[in-house]
Amino acid sequence: MEKYASKWKGNWALVTGASAGIGKSLAEELAAAGANLVLTARRRERLEDLARTLSAAHKIRTEVFVADLADSAAPGKILAFTQGRNIHIDLLVNNAGFGAYGEFATADLGRQVEMVHVNCAAVVHLTHLFLPAMIAHRSGDILIVASTAAFQAVPYISTYAATKAFDLSFAEGLAEELKPHGIRVCALCPGSTESEFHRVANQANIPSANRRRETSEKVARTGLKALAAGKSYVISGAGNYLGAQLQRLVPRGWVTAIAARMFRPRVQTNA
């Protein structure tokens, strides 16, 4: 067990989007640290399999609640579930989110709006619901999974990048606002990661999405370590960090134009 994670031993953590990718790895890291887990996502079978595995391996308590955060009623149902079991959430992990790749003008509008709801509105909603109890206890932690896409506009994933810019700004603002209450908030900003994200976003064959891909386990450890250290944000990976920082020295328009060339859809030709 990592020393930084010992704070959460015996406490309860809520992890959204826990059925795969970074969310699953965050749950595994926390379980190894001795944290009890409330796992939520849309896929019951995956959640229940993960809950059984982690309970057996680490002798922790686990609860599963199936929810789709595209449903505006889901955050309230998650809170009611924890309250009904007398569970106080010490660590809220807002991980659930998704992207969609392609030209915005021809993208499915419903999917774009749903992305804003899951990536932004649900994060705000869950955070607002679980904060009062943390403030009352003068203790608590919130990890919000953003992205390196939060640091610049990214054509062809424009909505996704904008939602992650929101998540980063929201986390940094709350981190300062909640310091007097003894609550830590951190935005985890991974770059390309080994997960289902690129397949779901229809982005698996984009060369820029496949370079310097980190493991979800490494990303999860980076986020939890930064949260425990009281950082308001962290960029996972040295290359990703340098890329995010160096672009500040370049005009924003140039950065966006470069991103457009990297992400522009390839023209399909018939042989």
Protein backbone atom coordinates (compact mmCIF):
# COMPACT_ATOMS: atom_id res chain seq x y z
CA MET A 1 0.00 0.00 0.00
CA GLU A 2 1.28 3.45 -0.91
CA LYS A 3 1.92 5.63 2.14
CA TYR A 4 -0.04 8.53 0.62
CA ALA A 5 -3.20 6.40 0.53
CA SER A 6 -3.24 5.45 4.21
CA LYS A 7 -5.57 8.37 5.02
CA TRP A 8 -8.45 6.58 3.34
CA LYS A 9 -8.04 3.25 5.13
CA GLY A 10 -11.34 2.26 6.72
CA ASN A 11 -13.17 5.24 5.18
CA TRP A 12 -15.68 5.24 2.35
CA ALA A 13 -14.95 6.36 -1.19
CA LEU A 14 -17.52 6.80 -3.95
CA VAL A 15 -16.17 6.16 -7.45
CA THR A 16 -18.26 7.00 -10.50
CA GLY A 17 -17.56 5.30 -13.81
CA ALA A 18 -15.95 2.48 -11.84
CA SER A 19 -16.62 -0.36 -14.28
CA ALA A 20 -13.62 0.24 -16.56
CA GLY A 21 -10.51 2.27 -17.32
CA ILE A 22 -9.26 4.90 -14.91
CA GLY A 23 -12.31 4.52 -12.68
CA LYS A 24 -11.67 0.82 -12.19
CA SER A 25 -7.99 1.47 -11.49
CA LEU A 26 -8.86 4.16 -8.95
CA ALA A 27 -11.15 1.69 -7.20
CA GLU A 28 -8.40 -0.93 -7.18
CA GLU A 29 -5.84 1.51 -5.76
CA LEU A 30 -8.22 2.63 -3.03
CA ALA A 31 -9.17 -0.94 -2.15
CA ALA A 32 -5.48 -1.83 -1.82
CA ALA A 33 -5.21 1.12 0.59
CA GLY A 34 -8.02 -0.33 2.72
CA ALA A 35 -10.79 2.05 1.68
CA ASN A 36 -14.38 0.84 1.55
CA LEU A 37 -16.04 1.51 -1.79
CA VAL A 38 -19.34 2.57 -3.27
CA LEU A 39 -19.00 1.72 -6.96
CA THR A 40 -21.33 3.22 -9.52
CA ALA A 41 -21.60 2.97 -13.31
CA ARG A 42 -24.12 1.75 -15.87
CA ARG A 43 -22.96 -1.88 -16.15
CA ARG A 44 -24.14 -3.96 -13.20
CA GLU A 45 -22.29 -7.17 -14.03
CA ARG A 46 -18.93 -5.44 -14.27
CA LEU A 47 -19.52 -3.53 -11.04
CA GLU A 48 -20.56 -6.63 -9.13
CA ASP A 49 -17.57 -8.61 -10.42
CA LEU A 50 -15.22 -5.82 -9.40
CA ALA A 51 -16.86 -5.46 -5.98
CA ARG A 52 -16.52 -9.19 -5.27
CA THR A 53 -12.90 -9.26 -6.40
CA LEU A 54 -11.85 -6.27 -4.33
CA SER A 55 -13.74 -7.38 -1.24
CA ALA A 56 -12.10 -10.79 -1.32
CA ALA A 57 -8.61 -9.51 -2.09
CA HIS A 58 -8.48 -6.64 0.40
CA LYS A 59 -11.09 -7.48 3.06
CA ILE A 60 -12.98 -4.25 2.51
CA ARG A 61 -16.68 -3.44 2.30
CA THR A 62 -18.16 -2.69 -1.10
CA GLU A 63 -21.53 -1.45 -2.29
CA VAL A 64 -22.76 -1.29 -5.87
CA PHE A 65 -25.27 1.18 -7.27
CA VAL A 66 -26.12 1.11 -10.96
CA ALA A 67 -26.71 4.59 -12.35
CA ASP A 68 -26.49 6.50 -15.61
CA LEU A 69 -25.24 10.01 -14.92
CA ALA A 70 -26.87 11.22 -18.13
CA ASP A 71 -30.06 11.01 -16.04
CA SER A 72 -30.36 14.23 -14.04
CA ALA A 73 -32.01 12.30 -11.20
CA ALA A 74 -29.04 9.91 -10.81
CA PRO A 75 -26.91 12.01 -8.42
CA GLY A 76 -29.79 12.36 -5.98
CA LYS A 77 -30.43 8.62 -6.13
CA ILE A 78 -26.77 7.91 -5.40
CA LEU A 79 -26.87 10.19 -2.36
CA ALA A 80 -30.08 8.54 -1.12
CA PHE A 81 -28.45 5.12 -1.55
CA THR A 82 -25.48 6.05 0.64
CA GLN A 83 -27.69 7.73 3.24
CA GLY A 84 -29.96 4.71 3.35
CA ARG A 85 -26.98 2.58 4.32
CA ASN A 86 -25.59 5.15 6.78
CA ILE A 87 -22.46 5.58 4.68
CA HIS A 88 -20.51 8.82 5.02
CA ILE A 89 -18.47 9.46 1.88
CA ASP A 90 -14.99 10.68 2.80
CA LEU A 91 -13.69 10.66 -0.78
CA LEU A 92 -15.77 11.55 -3.83
CA VAL A 93 -14.20 10.49 -7.13
CA ASN A 94 -15.93 12.19 -10.06
CA ASN A 95 -14.49 9.99 -12.80
CA ALA A 96 -17.43 9.18 -15.09
CA GLY A 97 -17.22 10.84 -18.48
CA PHE A 98 -16.94 10.20 -22.20
CA GLY A 99 -15.92 11.85 -25.46
CA ALA A 100 -16.98 11.79 -29.09
CA TYR A 101 -14.76 12.36 -32.10
CA GLY A 102 -15.68 14.00 -35.40
CA GLU A 103 -16.90 17.22 -36.97
CA PHE A 104 -19.25 19.04 -34.62
CA ALA A 105 -21.63 20.15 -37.39
CA THR A 106 -22.45 16.57 -38.33
CA ALA A 107 -22.22 15.06 -34.84
CA ASP A 108 -25.27 13.65 -33.09
CA LEU A 109 -26.65 16.57 -31.08
CA GLY A 110 -28.11 14.38 -28.36
CA ARG A 111 -24.75 12.76 -27.76
CA GLN A 112 -23.02 16.15 -27.54
CA VAL A 113 -25.53 17.47 -24.99
CA GLU A 114 -25.35 14.22 -23.02
CA MET A 115 -21.58 14.64 -22.87
CA VAL A 116 -21.96 18.08 -21.30
CA HIS A 117 -24.39 16.65 -18.79
CA VAL A 118 -22.23 13.69 -17.73
CA ASN A 119 -18.86 15.47 -17.84
CA CYS A 120 -19.99 18.74 -16.23
CA ALA A 121 -23.50 18.89 -14.77
CA ALA A 122 -23.27 15.54 -12.99
CA VAL A 123 -19.91 16.54 -11.50
CA VAL A 124 -21.40 19.76 -10.14
CA HIS A 125 -24.50 17.97 -8.90
CA LEU A 126 -22.69 15.16 -7.06
CA THR A 127 -20.15 17.52 -5.56
CA HIS A 128 -22.86 19.84 -4.26
CA LEU A 129 -24.79 16.93 -2.75
CA PHE A 130 -21.87 15.35 -0.90
CA LEU A 131 -20.11 18.54 0.23
CA PRO A 132 -22.38 19.49 3.16
CA ALA A 133 -21.52 16.34 5.12
CA MET A 134 -17.81 16.85 4.41
CA ILE A 135 -18.00 20.44 5.61
CA ALA A 136 -19.83 19.31 8.74
CA HIS A 137 -17.01 16.83 9.45
CA ARG A 138 -14.37 19.41 8.45
CA SER A 139 -12.76 16.67 6.41
CA GLY A 140 -13.07 15.19 2.95
CA ASP A 141 -11.49 14.78 -0.44
CA ILE A 142 -12.76 15.26 -3.99
CA LEU A 143 -10.96 14.01 -7.09
CA ILE A 144 -12.27 15.21 -10.46
CA VAL A 145 -10.94 13.48 -13.57
CA ALA A 146 -10.30 16.13 -16.22
CA SER A 147 -7.84 15.75 -19.13
CA THR A 148 -4.84 17.34 -20.79
CA ALA A 149 -7.47 18.46 -23.32
CA ALA A 150 -8.54 20.94 -20.64
CA PHE A 151 -5.56 23.19 -21.41
CA GLN A 152 -6.45 24.13 -24.98
CA ALA A 153 -9.22 23.95 -27.56
CA VAL A 154 -9.11 20.70 -29.53
CA PRO A 155 -10.94 20.70 -32.88
CA TYR A 156 -12.90 17.54 -33.67
CA ILE A 157 -13.30 16.82 -29.97
CA SER A 158 -14.36 20.40 -29.27
CA THR A 159 -17.18 19.61 -26.86
CA TYR A 160 -15.13 17.10 -24.91
CA ALA A 161 -12.18 19.50 -24.52
CA ALA A 162 -14.55 22.25 -23.38
CA THR A 163 -16.13 19.99 -20.73
CA LYS A 164 -12.72 19.08 -19.38
CA ALA A 165 -11.68 22.75 -19.26
CA PHE A 166 -14.79 23.25 -17.12
CA ASP A 167 -13.82 20.37 -14.83
CA LEU A 168 -10.30 21.73 -14.35
CA SER A 169 -11.47 25.25 -13.57
CA PHE A 170 -14.21 23.97 -11.27
CA ALA A 171 -11.75 21.82 -9.32
CA GLU A 172 -9.15 24.56 -8.96
CA GLY A 173 -11.75 27.05 -7.75
CA LEU A 174 -13.21 24.63 -5.23
CA ALA A 175 -9.76 23.64 -3.99
CA GLU A 176 -9.12 27.19 -2.80
CA GLU A 177 -12.68 27.77 -1.64
CA LEU A 178 -12.76 24.66 0.55
CA LYS A 179 -9.34 24.95 2.19
CA PRO A 180 -10.80 26.62 5.31
CA HIS A 181 -13.07 23.59 5.75
CA GLY A 182 -10.22 21.07 5.65
CA ILE A 183 -11.35 19.62 2.32
CA ARG A 184 -8.95 18.87 -0.53
CA VAL A 185 -9.94 19.02 -4.19
CA CYS A 186 -7.78 17.95 -7.12
CA ALA A 187 -8.25 17.71 -10.89
CA LEU A 188 -6.49 14.73 -12.44
CA CYS A 189 -5.47 15.50 -16.03
CA PRO A 190 -4.40 12.39 -17.93
CA GLY A 191 -3.33 12.32 -21.53
CA SER A 192 -3.88 9.35 -23.80
CA THR A 193 -4.58 6.36 -21.54
CA GLU A 194 -5.01 2.63 -22.08
CA SER A 195 -8.76 2.30 -21.61
CA GLU A 196 -12.04 1.97 -23.51
CA PHE A 197 -12.25 5.76 -23.91
CA HIS A 198 -10.88 5.97 -27.46
CA ARG A 199 -13.11 3.17 -28.73
CA VAL A 200 -16.22 4.72 -27.19
CA ALA A 201 -15.26 8.12 -28.61
CA ASN A 202 -14.67 6.57 -32.08
CA GLN A 203 -11.11 7.84 -31.81
CA ALA A 204 -9.14 4.60 -31.69
CA ASN A 205 -7.47 5.02 -35.09
CA ILE A 206 -6.28 8.61 -34.66
CA PRO A 207 -2.43 8.57 -34.47
CA SER A 208 -2.35 11.42 -31.92
CA ALA A 209 -4.58 9.38 -29.62
CA ASN A 210 -2.18 6.45 -29.60
CA ARG A 211 1.11 8.17 -28.76
CA ARG A 212 2.60 8.03 -25.24
CA ARG A 213 -0.35 6.07 -23.91
CA GLU A 214 -0.10 5.56 -20.13
CA THR A 215 -1.66 2.74 -18.17
CA SER A 216 -4.80 3.52 -16.20
CA GLU A 217 -3.08 2.16 -13.08
CA LYS A 218 -0.28 4.72 -13.38
CA VAL A 219 -2.78 7.53 -13.95
CA ALA A 220 -4.84 6.48 -10.92
CA ARG A 221 -1.80 6.45 -8.64
CA THR A 222 -0.74 9.87 -9.91
CA GLY A 223 -4.16 11.34 -9.15
CA LEU A 224 -4.49 9.90 -5.67
CA LYS A 225 -0.94 10.90 -4.73
CA ALA A 226 -1.56 14.48 -5.86
CA LEU A 227 -4.86 14.65 -3.99
CA ALA A 228 -3.23 13.39 -0.79
CA ALA A 229 -0.48 16.00 -1.22
CA GLY A 230 -3.04 18.80 -1.43
CA LYS A 231 -2.45 19.71 -5.09
CA SER A 232 -5.29 21.42 -6.92
CA TYR A 233 -4.42 19.71 -10.20
CA VAL A 234 -1.95 17.24 -11.60
CA ILE A 235 -0.96 16.28 -15.15
CA SER A 236 -0.10 12.62 -15.49
CA GLY A 237 3.10 11.96 -17.43
CA ALA A 238 6.19 14.10 -17.92
CA GLY A 239 5.60 14.49 -21.64
CA ASN A 240 2.00 15.54 -21.08
CA TYR A 241 3.11 18.04 -18.44
CA LEU A 242 5.69 19.63 -20.73
CA GLY A 243 3.20 19.81 -23.58
CA ALA A 244 0.58 21.53 -21.45
CA GLN A 245 3.08 24.03 -20.02
CA LEU A 246 5.01 24.84 -23.20
CA GLN A 247 1.89 25.73 -25.15
CA ARG A 248 1.43 28.72 -22.84
CA LEU A 249 4.40 30.28 -24.62
CA VAL A 250 2.69 29.96 -28.03
CA PRO A 251 -0.27 32.02 -29.31
CA ARG A 252 -3.53 30.19 -28.63
CA GLY A 253 -4.51 30.27 -32.29
CA TRP A 254 -1.34 28.42 -33.24
CA VAL A 255 -1.99 25.75 -30.62
CA THR A 256 -5.53 25.21 -31.90
CA ALA A 257 -4.35 25.03 -35.52
CA ILE A 258 -1.75 22.41 -34.61
CA ALA A 259 -4.38 20.40 -32.72
CA ALA A 260 -6.66 20.60 -35.76
CA ARG A 261 -3.98 19.09 -37.98
CA MET A 262 -3.41 16.30 -35.46
CA PHE A 263 -7.07 15.43 -35.05
CA ARG A 264 -8.54 16.19 -38.48
CA PRO A 265 -10.43 13.12 -39.76
CA ARG A 266 -8.69 11.23 -42.49
CA VAL A 267 -10.32 11.23 -45.89
CA GLN A 268 -11.40 7.71 -46.74
CA THR A 269 -10.48 6.59 -50.25
CA ASN A 270 -11.74 3.52 -52.09
CA ALA A 271 -9.11 1.20 -53.47
